[in-house]
Amino acid sequence: MLACGWNPLTDDPDPDPIMYYQNPDSAWMVLANLQYSYRTRDVDLYSECFSEDFEFFMPEEFWADYDGDGLLDSCWGVDVELAITEAMFESVDLVELSLVGSSESLWSGDSTGTTWQLSRGFNLVIYPSLVPADSLSAYGMQEFLLRPDSAGIFHIWKWWDYSDPAAPFCWTELKGIGSWSR
């Protein structure tokens, strides 16, 4: 990107959302919108990516009581997802996210034939400040189940974090570390 004249540490990464955010009428478009909402740190656009019964499944080492009910949680719902992501977006200077790959198929667990399973490789870099040495990164795979609502608009229903154990952090960890952690 630097060779193209764009420097993510000094140039404005927030293009006009009307030009880039697309109608989520397909499963893959929701992931494009998720990537865009991360890059622009727009929690309102991010919230549109999820169904009301959304669940984020994290690696076992991060299981904790996220909803305050006294029980160990292996996943959290849309309310926790949006709260921690909003706190992260407000607390960092820059987010870079790349989702790559095109693995998608109808999910075999859905008898209606409308739920899609998409796997994407990812590279996530968060800059709590604009000092490159302060960046935090994660990479690996993420798996998503997406289904349409009654209007044909797709939403993420389930999301599994399969970050690479060799990465400095996993995506789950970046969602909840630093000054924005609970």
N, C-alpha and C. Protein backbone atom coordinates (compact mmCIF):
# COMPACT_ATOMS: atom_id res chain seq x y z
N MET A 1 0.82 -1.18 0.00
CA MET A 1 0.00 0.00 0.00
C MET A 1 0.87 1.26 0.00
N LEU A 2 1.99 1.20 0.70
CA LEU A 2 2.85 2.36 0.71
C LEU A 2 3.39 2.65 -0.69
N ALA A 3 3.63 1.61 -1.48
CA ALA A 3 4.12 1.81 -2.84
C ALA A 3 3.08 2.50 -3.71
N CYS A 4 1.83 2.36 -3.39
CA CYS A 4 0.76 2.99 -4.15
C CYS A 4 0.51 4.42 -3.69
N GLY A 5 1.23 4.87 -2.69
CA GLY A 5 1.10 6.23 -2.22
C GLY A 5 0.15 6.39 -1.05
N TRP A 6 -0.45 5.31 -0.57
CA TRP A 6 -1.37 5.41 0.57
C TRP A 6 -0.67 4.89 1.80
N ASN A 7 -0.62 5.69 2.84
CA ASN A 7 0.02 5.31 4.08
C ASN A 7 -1.06 5.16 5.14
N PRO A 8 -1.32 3.93 5.65
CA PRO A 8 -2.40 3.73 6.61
C PRO A 8 -2.17 4.44 7.94
N LEU A 9 -0.94 4.88 8.19
CA LEU A 9 -0.66 5.54 9.46
C LEU A 9 -0.88 7.05 9.39
N THR A 10 -0.96 7.59 8.17
CA THR A 10 -1.14 9.04 8.07
C THR A 10 -2.33 9.45 7.22
N ASP A 11 -2.74 8.62 6.27
CA ASP A 11 -3.85 8.97 5.39
C ASP A 11 -5.18 8.54 5.99
N ASP A 12 -6.23 9.25 5.66
CA ASP A 12 -7.56 8.97 6.19
C ASP A 12 -8.09 7.65 5.65
N PRO A 13 -8.32 6.64 6.52
CA PRO A 13 -8.80 5.34 6.05
C PRO A 13 -10.33 5.27 5.96
N ASP A 14 -11.02 6.39 6.10
CA ASP A 14 -12.47 6.38 6.21
C ASP A 14 -13.13 6.94 4.95
N PRO A 15 -13.23 6.12 3.89
CA PRO A 15 -13.90 6.59 2.69
C PRO A 15 -15.40 6.70 2.90
N ASP A 16 -16.07 7.34 1.98
CA ASP A 16 -17.52 7.52 2.05
C ASP A 16 -18.22 6.16 2.08
N PRO A 17 -18.98 5.84 3.13
CA PRO A 17 -19.60 4.52 3.24
C PRO A 17 -20.60 4.22 2.14
N ILE A 18 -21.22 5.21 1.55
CA ILE A 18 -22.19 4.96 0.49
C ILE A 18 -21.49 4.34 -0.72
N MET A 19 -20.26 4.67 -0.94
CA MET A 19 -19.53 4.15 -2.09
C MET A 19 -19.03 2.72 -1.87
N TYR A 20 -18.93 2.26 -0.66
CA TYR A 20 -18.30 0.98 -0.40
C TYR A 20 -19.18 -0.03 0.33
N TYR A 21 -20.04 0.40 1.20
CA TYR A 21 -20.90 -0.52 1.92
C TYR A 21 -22.01 -0.97 0.96
N GLN A 22 -22.20 -2.26 0.81
CA GLN A 22 -23.13 -2.79 -0.19
C GLN A 22 -24.34 -3.45 0.46
N ASN A 23 -25.41 -3.52 -0.29
CA ASN A 23 -26.62 -4.22 0.15
C ASN A 23 -26.26 -5.69 0.41
N PRO A 24 -26.47 -6.18 1.62
CA PRO A 24 -26.07 -7.55 1.95
C PRO A 24 -27.08 -8.61 1.45
N ASP A 25 -27.25 -8.67 0.13
CA ASP A 25 -28.19 -9.62 -0.44
C ASP A 25 -27.54 -10.96 -0.79
N SER A 26 -26.31 -11.15 -0.34
CA SER A 26 -25.62 -12.43 -0.47
C SER A 26 -24.73 -12.61 0.75
N ALA A 27 -24.40 -13.85 1.04
CA ALA A 27 -23.59 -14.14 2.23
C ALA A 27 -22.22 -13.49 2.12
N TRP A 28 -21.58 -13.58 0.96
CA TRP A 28 -20.23 -13.03 0.83
C TRP A 28 -20.22 -11.51 0.97
N MET A 29 -21.32 -10.86 0.60
CA MET A 29 -21.37 -9.40 0.71
C MET A 29 -21.38 -8.97 2.18
N VAL A 30 -21.98 -9.77 3.05
CA VAL A 30 -21.97 -9.45 4.47
C VAL A 30 -20.54 -9.42 4.99
N LEU A 31 -19.72 -10.37 4.54
CA LEU A 31 -18.32 -10.37 4.99
C LEU A 31 -17.54 -9.20 4.41
N ALA A 32 -17.87 -8.78 3.21
CA ALA A 32 -17.25 -7.57 2.66
C ALA A 32 -17.66 -6.36 3.51
N ASN A 33 -18.92 -6.32 3.93
CA ASN A 33 -19.39 -5.22 4.79
C ASN A 33 -18.74 -5.28 6.17
N LEU A 34 -18.56 -6.48 6.70
CA LEU A 34 -17.88 -6.63 8.00
C LEU A 34 -16.46 -6.07 7.89
N GLN A 35 -15.77 -6.43 6.83
CA GLN A 35 -14.41 -5.93 6.62
C GLN A 35 -14.42 -4.41 6.51
N TYR A 36 -15.35 -3.87 5.77
CA TYR A 36 -15.43 -2.42 5.61
C TYR A 36 -15.74 -1.73 6.95
N SER A 37 -16.67 -2.28 7.71
CA SER A 37 -17.03 -1.65 8.99
C SER A 37 -15.86 -1.68 9.97
N TYR A 38 -15.03 -2.72 9.92
CA TYR A 38 -13.83 -2.77 10.76
C TYR A 38 -12.85 -1.68 10.33
N ARG A 39 -12.61 -1.60 9.03
CA ARG A 39 -11.64 -0.62 8.52
C ARG A 39 -12.06 0.81 8.82
N THR A 40 -13.36 1.07 8.79
CA THR A 40 -13.85 2.43 9.06
C THR A 40 -14.22 2.63 10.52
N ARG A 41 -14.15 1.55 11.30
CA ARG A 41 -14.49 1.57 12.73
C ARG A 41 -15.90 2.13 12.93
N ASP A 42 -16.83 1.63 12.14
CA ASP A 42 -18.22 2.09 12.18
C ASP A 42 -19.09 1.01 12.82
N VAL A 43 -19.41 1.19 14.09
CA VAL A 43 -20.16 0.17 14.83
C VAL A 43 -21.60 0.05 14.32
N ASP A 44 -22.16 1.12 13.77
CA ASP A 44 -23.52 1.03 13.23
C ASP A 44 -23.56 0.12 12.01
N LEU A 45 -22.60 0.29 11.10
CA LEU A 45 -22.52 -0.61 9.95
C LEU A 45 -22.19 -2.03 10.39
N TYR A 46 -21.33 -2.14 11.39
CA TYR A 46 -20.95 -3.45 11.92
C TYR A 46 -22.18 -4.17 12.47
N SER A 47 -23.03 -3.46 13.18
CA SER A 47 -24.21 -4.09 13.81
C SER A 47 -25.16 -4.65 12.77
N GLU A 48 -25.19 -4.08 11.58
CA GLU A 48 -26.07 -4.57 10.52
C GLU A 48 -25.65 -5.92 9.98
N CYS A 49 -24.44 -6.37 10.30
CA CYS A 49 -23.93 -7.64 9.81
C CYS A 49 -24.49 -8.85 10.57
N PHE A 50 -25.16 -8.64 11.69
CA PHE A 50 -25.50 -9.75 12.58
C PHE A 50 -27.00 -9.97 12.75
N SER A 51 -27.35 -11.24 12.91
CA SER A 51 -28.73 -11.59 13.24
C SER A 51 -28.95 -11.36 14.73
N GLU A 52 -30.20 -11.28 15.13
CA GLU A 52 -30.52 -11.05 16.55
C GLU A 52 -30.08 -12.20 17.43
N ASP A 53 -30.01 -13.42 16.87
CA ASP A 53 -29.61 -14.60 17.65
C ASP A 53 -28.16 -15.01 17.35
N PHE A 54 -27.35 -14.06 16.95
CA PHE A 54 -25.93 -14.27 16.63
C PHE A 54 -25.17 -14.86 17.82
N GLU A 55 -24.16 -15.72 17.50
CA GLU A 55 -23.25 -16.25 18.51
C GLU A 55 -21.83 -16.24 17.97
N PHE A 56 -20.90 -15.73 18.78
CA PHE A 56 -19.47 -15.74 18.46
C PHE A 56 -18.82 -16.80 19.34
N PHE A 57 -18.19 -17.82 18.72
CA PHE A 57 -17.54 -18.91 19.44
C PHE A 57 -16.04 -18.66 19.47
N MET A 58 -15.49 -18.64 20.67
CA MET A 58 -14.09 -18.31 20.86
C MET A 58 -13.27 -19.54 21.24
N PRO A 59 -11.95 -19.48 21.08
CA PRO A 59 -11.09 -20.58 21.53
C PRO A 59 -11.26 -20.81 23.04
N GLU A 60 -11.09 -22.04 23.45
CA GLU A 60 -11.35 -22.43 24.84
C GLU A 60 -10.59 -21.61 25.88
N GLU A 61 -9.37 -21.18 25.56
CA GLU A 61 -8.60 -20.42 26.55
C GLU A 61 -9.22 -19.07 26.90
N PHE A 62 -10.21 -18.64 26.14
CA PHE A 62 -10.87 -17.36 26.41
C PHE A 62 -12.27 -17.51 26.99
N TRP A 63 -12.68 -18.74 27.27
CA TRP A 63 -13.99 -18.94 27.87
C TRP A 63 -14.01 -18.25 29.24
N ALA A 64 -15.06 -17.50 29.49
CA ALA A 64 -15.22 -16.76 30.75
C ALA A 64 -16.69 -16.43 30.91
N ASP A 65 -17.03 -15.78 31.98
CA ASP A 65 -18.41 -15.37 32.22
C ASP A 65 -18.63 -13.98 31.61
N TYR A 66 -18.99 -13.96 30.31
CA TYR A 66 -19.15 -12.69 29.60
C TYR A 66 -20.51 -12.04 29.83
N ASP A 67 -21.50 -12.83 30.22
CA ASP A 67 -22.84 -12.25 30.39
C ASP A 67 -23.23 -12.05 31.85
N GLY A 68 -22.31 -12.37 32.77
CA GLY A 68 -22.54 -12.11 34.18
C GLY A 68 -23.50 -13.05 34.88
N ASP A 69 -23.75 -14.22 34.29
CA ASP A 69 -24.69 -15.16 34.92
C ASP A 69 -24.02 -16.18 35.82
N GLY A 70 -22.69 -16.06 36.01
CA GLY A 70 -21.96 -16.97 36.88
C GLY A 70 -21.54 -18.27 36.19
N LEU A 71 -21.85 -18.43 34.92
CA LEU A 71 -21.49 -19.64 34.18
C LEU A 71 -20.42 -19.32 33.13
N LEU A 72 -19.56 -20.31 32.87
CA LEU A 72 -18.52 -20.17 31.88
C LEU A 72 -19.14 -20.14 30.48
N ASP A 73 -18.81 -19.13 29.68
CA ASP A 73 -19.37 -18.99 28.34
C ASP A 73 -18.32 -19.36 27.30
N SER A 74 -18.71 -20.21 26.33
CA SER A 74 -17.84 -20.55 25.20
C SER A 74 -18.14 -19.66 24.01
N CYS A 75 -19.20 -18.87 24.15
CA CYS A 75 -19.57 -17.93 23.09
C CYS A 75 -20.30 -16.76 23.74
N TRP A 76 -20.48 -15.71 22.94
CA TRP A 76 -21.29 -14.59 23.39
C TRP A 76 -22.23 -14.19 22.28
N GLY A 77 -23.22 -13.40 22.63
CA GLY A 77 -24.23 -12.98 21.68
C GLY A 77 -23.96 -11.61 21.10
N VAL A 78 -24.94 -11.12 20.38
CA VAL A 78 -24.79 -9.87 19.63
C VAL A 78 -24.58 -8.67 20.55
N ASP A 79 -25.21 -8.64 21.72
CA ASP A 79 -25.05 -7.50 22.62
C ASP A 79 -23.60 -7.35 23.10
N VAL A 80 -22.99 -8.46 23.51
CA VAL A 80 -21.59 -8.42 23.95
C VAL A 80 -20.69 -8.11 22.76
N GLU A 81 -20.96 -8.74 21.62
CA GLU A 81 -20.15 -8.49 20.42
C GLU A 81 -20.13 -7.00 20.08
N LEU A 82 -21.28 -6.37 20.07
CA LEU A 82 -21.34 -4.95 19.70
C LEU A 82 -20.72 -4.06 20.77
N ALA A 83 -20.91 -4.39 22.03
CA ALA A 83 -20.35 -3.57 23.12
C ALA A 83 -18.81 -3.59 23.10
N ILE A 84 -18.22 -4.77 22.98
CA ILE A 84 -16.75 -4.83 23.02
C ILE A 84 -16.15 -4.28 21.73
N THR A 85 -16.84 -4.48 20.62
CA THR A 85 -16.32 -3.95 19.36
C THR A 85 -16.41 -2.43 19.33
N GLU A 86 -17.51 -1.88 19.83
CA GLU A 86 -17.63 -0.42 19.90
C GLU A 86 -16.55 0.17 20.79
N ALA A 87 -16.29 -0.46 21.94
CA ALA A 87 -15.23 0.02 22.83
C ALA A 87 -13.87 -0.04 22.15
N MET A 88 -13.62 -1.11 21.40
CA MET A 88 -12.35 -1.22 20.68
C MET A 88 -12.25 -0.14 19.61
N PHE A 89 -13.30 0.01 18.79
CA PHE A 89 -13.28 1.01 17.71
C PHE A 89 -13.02 2.41 18.27
N GLU A 90 -13.60 2.73 19.42
CA GLU A 90 -13.43 4.06 20.01
C GLU A 90 -12.06 4.26 20.65
N SER A 91 -11.36 3.16 20.93
CA SER A 91 -10.11 3.24 21.68
C SER A 91 -8.85 3.09 20.83
N VAL A 92 -9.01 2.84 19.55
CA VAL A 92 -7.83 2.66 18.70
C VAL A 92 -7.82 3.72 17.61
N ASP A 93 -6.63 3.93 17.04
CA ASP A 93 -6.48 4.94 15.99
C ASP A 93 -6.71 4.39 14.59
N LEU A 94 -6.44 3.09 14.40
CA LEU A 94 -6.53 2.52 13.06
C LEU A 94 -6.73 1.02 13.16
N VAL A 95 -7.54 0.48 12.25
CA VAL A 95 -7.75 -0.97 12.15
C VAL A 95 -7.57 -1.36 10.69
N GLU A 96 -6.77 -2.38 10.46
CA GLU A 96 -6.62 -2.96 9.13
C GLU A 96 -7.13 -4.39 9.20
N LEU A 97 -8.00 -4.75 8.28
CA LEU A 97 -8.54 -6.11 8.23
C LEU A 97 -8.60 -6.56 6.79
N SER A 98 -8.05 -7.74 6.54
CA SER A 98 -8.17 -8.38 5.23
C SER A 98 -8.80 -9.74 5.43
N LEU A 99 -9.89 -9.98 4.73
CA LEU A 99 -10.51 -11.31 4.69
C LEU A 99 -10.26 -11.85 3.29
N VAL A 100 -9.67 -13.04 3.21
CA VAL A 100 -9.30 -13.60 1.91
C VAL A 100 -9.84 -15.01 1.77
N GLY A 101 -10.08 -15.38 0.53
CA GLY A 101 -10.57 -16.71 0.22
C GLY A 101 -11.97 -16.65 -0.33
N SER A 102 -12.40 -17.77 -0.84
CA SER A 102 -13.74 -17.82 -1.44
C SER A 102 -14.46 -19.12 -1.12
N SER A 103 -14.04 -19.80 -0.05
CA SER A 103 -14.68 -21.05 0.32
C SER A 103 -16.08 -20.77 0.85
N GLU A 104 -17.07 -21.25 0.12
CA GLU A 104 -18.45 -21.08 0.56
C GLU A 104 -19.30 -22.21 0.00
N SER A 105 -20.23 -22.64 0.82
CA SER A 105 -21.15 -23.70 0.39
C SER A 105 -22.41 -23.61 1.25
N LEU A 106 -23.46 -24.19 0.74
CA LEU A 106 -24.67 -24.27 1.55
C LEU A 106 -24.37 -25.15 2.74
N TRP A 107 -24.82 -24.74 3.90
CA TRP A 107 -24.55 -25.48 5.13
C TRP A 107 -25.42 -26.72 5.17
N SER A 108 -24.81 -27.87 5.42
CA SER A 108 -25.53 -29.14 5.42
C SER A 108 -26.49 -29.27 6.60
N GLY A 109 -26.34 -28.45 7.63
CA GLY A 109 -27.21 -28.53 8.80
C GLY A 109 -28.52 -27.78 8.66
N ASP A 110 -28.78 -27.24 7.47
CA ASP A 110 -30.00 -26.45 7.25
C ASP A 110 -30.87 -27.13 6.21
N SER A 111 -32.02 -27.59 6.61
CA SER A 111 -32.92 -28.27 5.69
C SER A 111 -33.59 -27.33 4.70
N THR A 112 -33.59 -26.01 4.98
CA THR A 112 -34.21 -25.06 4.06
C THR A 112 -33.30 -24.70 2.89
N GLY A 113 -32.00 -24.98 3.01
CA GLY A 113 -31.06 -24.68 1.94
C GLY A 113 -30.78 -23.20 1.76
N THR A 114 -30.90 -22.43 2.84
CA THR A 114 -30.65 -20.98 2.73
C THR A 114 -29.47 -20.50 3.56
N THR A 115 -28.92 -21.35 4.41
CA THR A 115 -27.80 -20.96 5.26
C THR A 115 -26.49 -21.31 4.56
N TRP A 116 -25.61 -20.31 4.47
CA TRP A 116 -24.32 -20.48 3.82
C TRP A 116 -23.21 -20.58 4.86
N GLN A 117 -22.23 -21.43 4.57
CA GLN A 117 -21.03 -21.58 5.39
C GLN A 117 -19.87 -21.01 4.61
N LEU A 118 -19.22 -20.00 5.17
CA LEU A 118 -18.09 -19.34 4.52
C LEU A 118 -16.87 -19.40 5.43
N SER A 119 -15.74 -19.78 4.88
CA SER A 119 -14.46 -19.77 5.60
C SER A 119 -13.59 -18.72 4.94
N ARG A 120 -12.90 -17.94 5.78
CA ARG A 120 -12.03 -16.90 5.26
C ARG A 120 -10.74 -16.85 6.07
N GLY A 121 -9.64 -16.74 5.36
CA GLY A 121 -8.38 -16.41 6.01
C GLY A 121 -8.44 -14.94 6.38
N PHE A 122 -7.72 -14.57 7.42
CA PHE A 122 -7.77 -13.16 7.82
C PHE A 122 -6.41 -12.70 8.31
N ASN A 123 -6.21 -11.40 8.21
CA ASN A 123 -5.09 -10.71 8.82
C ASN A 123 -5.67 -9.45 9.44
N LEU A 124 -5.56 -9.32 10.74
CA LEU A 124 -6.11 -8.19 11.49
C LEU A 124 -4.97 -7.49 12.21
N VAL A 125 -4.86 -6.18 11.99
CA VAL A 125 -3.84 -5.37 12.67
C VAL A 125 -4.56 -4.18 13.30
N ILE A 126 -4.34 -4.01 14.59
CA ILE A 126 -4.94 -2.90 15.33
C ILE A 126 -3.82 -2.00 15.81
N TYR A 127 -4.01 -0.70 15.60
CA TYR A 127 -3.04 0.30 16.03
C TYR A 127 -3.67 1.12 17.16
N PRO A 128 -3.36 0.80 18.42
CA PRO A 128 -3.88 1.61 19.53
C PRO A 128 -3.43 3.05 19.45
N SER A 129 -2.27 3.27 18.82
CA SER A 129 -1.77 4.61 18.53
C SER A 129 -1.23 4.56 17.12
N LEU A 130 -0.85 5.69 16.59
CA LEU A 130 -0.33 5.69 15.23
C LEU A 130 1.15 5.36 15.15
N VAL A 131 1.67 4.75 16.21
CA VAL A 131 3.06 4.31 16.22
C VAL A 131 3.08 2.86 15.74
N PRO A 132 3.68 2.58 14.57
CA PRO A 132 3.64 1.23 14.02
C PRO A 132 4.14 0.15 14.98
N ALA A 133 5.11 0.47 15.82
CA ALA A 133 5.64 -0.53 16.75
C ALA A 133 4.62 -0.94 17.80
N ASP A 134 3.57 -0.15 17.99
CA ASP A 134 2.54 -0.46 18.98
C ASP A 134 1.42 -1.33 18.42
N SER A 135 1.55 -1.78 17.18
CA SER A 135 0.46 -2.53 16.56
C SER A 135 0.30 -3.91 17.20
N LEU A 136 -0.93 -4.41 17.13
CA LEU A 136 -1.29 -5.73 17.63
C LEU A 136 -1.87 -6.49 16.45
N SER A 137 -1.46 -7.74 16.24
CA SER A 137 -1.93 -8.46 15.06
C SER A 137 -2.38 -9.88 15.37
N ALA A 138 -3.30 -10.33 14.52
CA ALA A 138 -3.81 -11.70 14.57
C ALA A 138 -4.01 -12.16 13.13
N TYR A 139 -3.91 -13.46 12.92
CA TYR A 139 -4.18 -14.03 11.61
C TYR A 139 -4.60 -15.47 11.77
N GLY A 140 -5.15 -16.04 10.73
CA GLY A 140 -5.63 -17.42 10.77
C GLY A 140 -6.88 -17.56 9.93
N MET A 141 -7.82 -18.35 10.43
CA MET A 141 -9.07 -18.62 9.72
C MET A 141 -10.26 -18.24 10.60
N GLN A 142 -11.32 -17.86 9.96
CA GLN A 142 -12.59 -17.60 10.62
C GLN A 142 -13.66 -18.35 9.83
N GLU A 143 -14.62 -18.89 10.53
CA GLU A 143 -15.71 -19.59 9.87
C GLU A 143 -17.02 -18.93 10.25
N PHE A 144 -17.89 -18.77 9.27
CA PHE A 144 -19.15 -18.06 9.45
C PHE A 144 -20.31 -18.88 8.90
N LEU A 145 -21.44 -18.82 9.60
CA LEU A 145 -22.72 -19.27 9.05
C LEU A 145 -23.57 -18.03 8.87
N LEU A 146 -24.11 -17.87 7.67
CA LEU A 146 -24.92 -16.69 7.34
C LEU A 146 -26.24 -17.16 6.75
N ARG A 147 -27.29 -16.46 7.12
CA ARG A 147 -28.61 -16.81 6.58
C ARG A 147 -29.40 -15.55 6.32
N PRO A 148 -30.35 -15.62 5.40
CA PRO A 148 -31.14 -14.45 5.08
C PRO A 148 -32.33 -14.30 6.03
N ASP A 149 -32.76 -13.05 6.21
CA ASP A 149 -33.99 -12.81 6.95
C ASP A 149 -35.16 -12.87 5.97
N SER A 150 -36.35 -12.54 6.41
CA SER A 150 -37.54 -12.65 5.57
C SER A 150 -37.51 -11.71 4.36
N ALA A 151 -36.68 -10.67 4.42
CA ALA A 151 -36.55 -9.73 3.31
C ALA A 151 -35.42 -10.11 2.35
N GLY A 152 -34.74 -11.23 2.63
CA GLY A 152 -33.64 -11.66 1.77
C GLY A 152 -32.31 -11.01 2.09
N ILE A 153 -32.22 -10.32 3.22
CA ILE A 153 -30.98 -9.68 3.65
C ILE A 153 -30.21 -10.67 4.52
N PHE A 154 -28.96 -10.93 4.15
CA PHE A 154 -28.15 -11.89 4.90
C PHE A 154 -27.53 -11.26 6.14
N HIS A 155 -27.37 -12.12 7.16
CA HIS A 155 -26.74 -11.73 8.42
C HIS A 155 -25.87 -12.88 8.92
N ILE A 156 -24.82 -12.53 9.67
CA ILE A 156 -24.01 -13.56 10.31
C ILE A 156 -24.80 -14.12 11.48
N TRP A 157 -24.95 -15.42 11.49
CA TRP A 157 -25.68 -16.11 12.54
C TRP A 157 -24.71 -16.75 13.54
N LYS A 158 -23.63 -17.36 13.04
CA LYS A 158 -22.62 -18.01 13.88
C LYS A 158 -21.24 -17.63 13.34
N TRP A 159 -20.28 -17.46 14.27
CA TRP A 159 -18.91 -17.09 13.88
C TRP A 159 -17.96 -17.83 14.81
N TRP A 160 -16.99 -18.58 14.21
CA TRP A 160 -15.97 -19.30 14.97
C TRP A 160 -14.61 -18.69 14.70
N ASP A 161 -13.87 -18.42 15.77
CA ASP A 161 -12.52 -17.88 15.67
C ASP A 161 -11.53 -19.04 15.69
N TYR A 162 -10.87 -19.28 14.55
CA TYR A 162 -9.81 -20.27 14.42
C TYR A 162 -8.50 -19.56 14.11
N SER A 163 -8.15 -18.61 14.96
CA SER A 163 -6.89 -17.88 14.77
C SER A 163 -5.72 -18.85 14.86
N ASP A 164 -4.66 -18.52 14.16
CA ASP A 164 -3.45 -19.32 14.16
C ASP A 164 -2.79 -19.22 15.53
N PRO A 165 -2.52 -20.34 16.21
CA PRO A 165 -1.88 -20.30 17.53
C PRO A 165 -0.49 -19.67 17.50
N ALA A 166 0.15 -19.64 16.33
CA ALA A 166 1.48 -19.03 16.22
C ALA A 166 1.41 -17.50 16.09
N ALA A 167 0.22 -16.96 15.87
CA ALA A 167 0.07 -15.51 15.73
C ALA A 167 0.29 -14.84 17.09
N PRO A 168 0.72 -13.57 17.09
CA PRO A 168 0.91 -12.88 18.37
C PRO A 168 -0.36 -12.85 19.22
N PHE A 169 -1.51 -12.70 18.57
CA PHE A 169 -2.80 -12.68 19.26
C PHE A 169 -3.80 -13.45 18.42
N CYS A 170 -4.97 -13.74 18.99
CA CYS A 170 -6.07 -14.26 18.19
C CYS A 170 -7.14 -13.17 18.12
N TRP A 171 -8.06 -13.31 17.18
CA TRP A 171 -9.07 -12.27 16.98
C TRP A 171 -9.87 -12.05 18.27
N THR A 172 -10.25 -13.12 18.94
CA THR A 172 -10.98 -13.01 20.20
C THR A 172 -10.24 -12.12 21.18
N GLU A 173 -8.95 -12.34 21.29
CA GLU A 173 -8.11 -11.60 22.22
C GLU A 173 -8.06 -10.12 21.86
N LEU A 174 -7.95 -9.81 20.57
CA LEU A 174 -7.89 -8.40 20.16
C LEU A 174 -9.22 -7.69 20.40
N LYS A 175 -10.30 -8.44 20.40
CA LYS A 175 -11.60 -7.82 20.70
C LYS A 175 -11.67 -7.36 22.15
N GLY A 176 -10.93 -8.00 23.03
CA GLY A 176 -11.11 -7.71 24.44
C GLY A 176 -9.89 -7.26 25.22
N ILE A 177 -8.76 -6.94 24.54
CA ILE A 177 -7.59 -6.53 25.30
C ILE A 177 -7.43 -5.01 25.28
N GLY A 178 -6.45 -4.52 26.00
CA GLY A 178 -6.15 -3.09 26.01
C GLY A 178 -7.12 -2.31 26.87
N SER A 179 -7.17 -1.03 26.65
CA SER A 179 -8.00 -0.15 27.48
C SER A 179 -9.49 -0.38 27.27
N TRP A 180 -9.83 -1.07 26.20
CA TRP A 180 -11.25 -1.29 25.93
C TRP A 180 -11.75 -2.59 26.55
N SER A 181 -10.88 -3.37 27.21
CA SER A 181 -11.31 -4.65 27.78
C SER A 181 -12.22 -4.43 28.98
N ARG A 182 -12.99 -5.47 29.27
CA ARG A 182 -13.96 -5.41 30.37
C ARG A 182 -13.26 -5.36 31.71
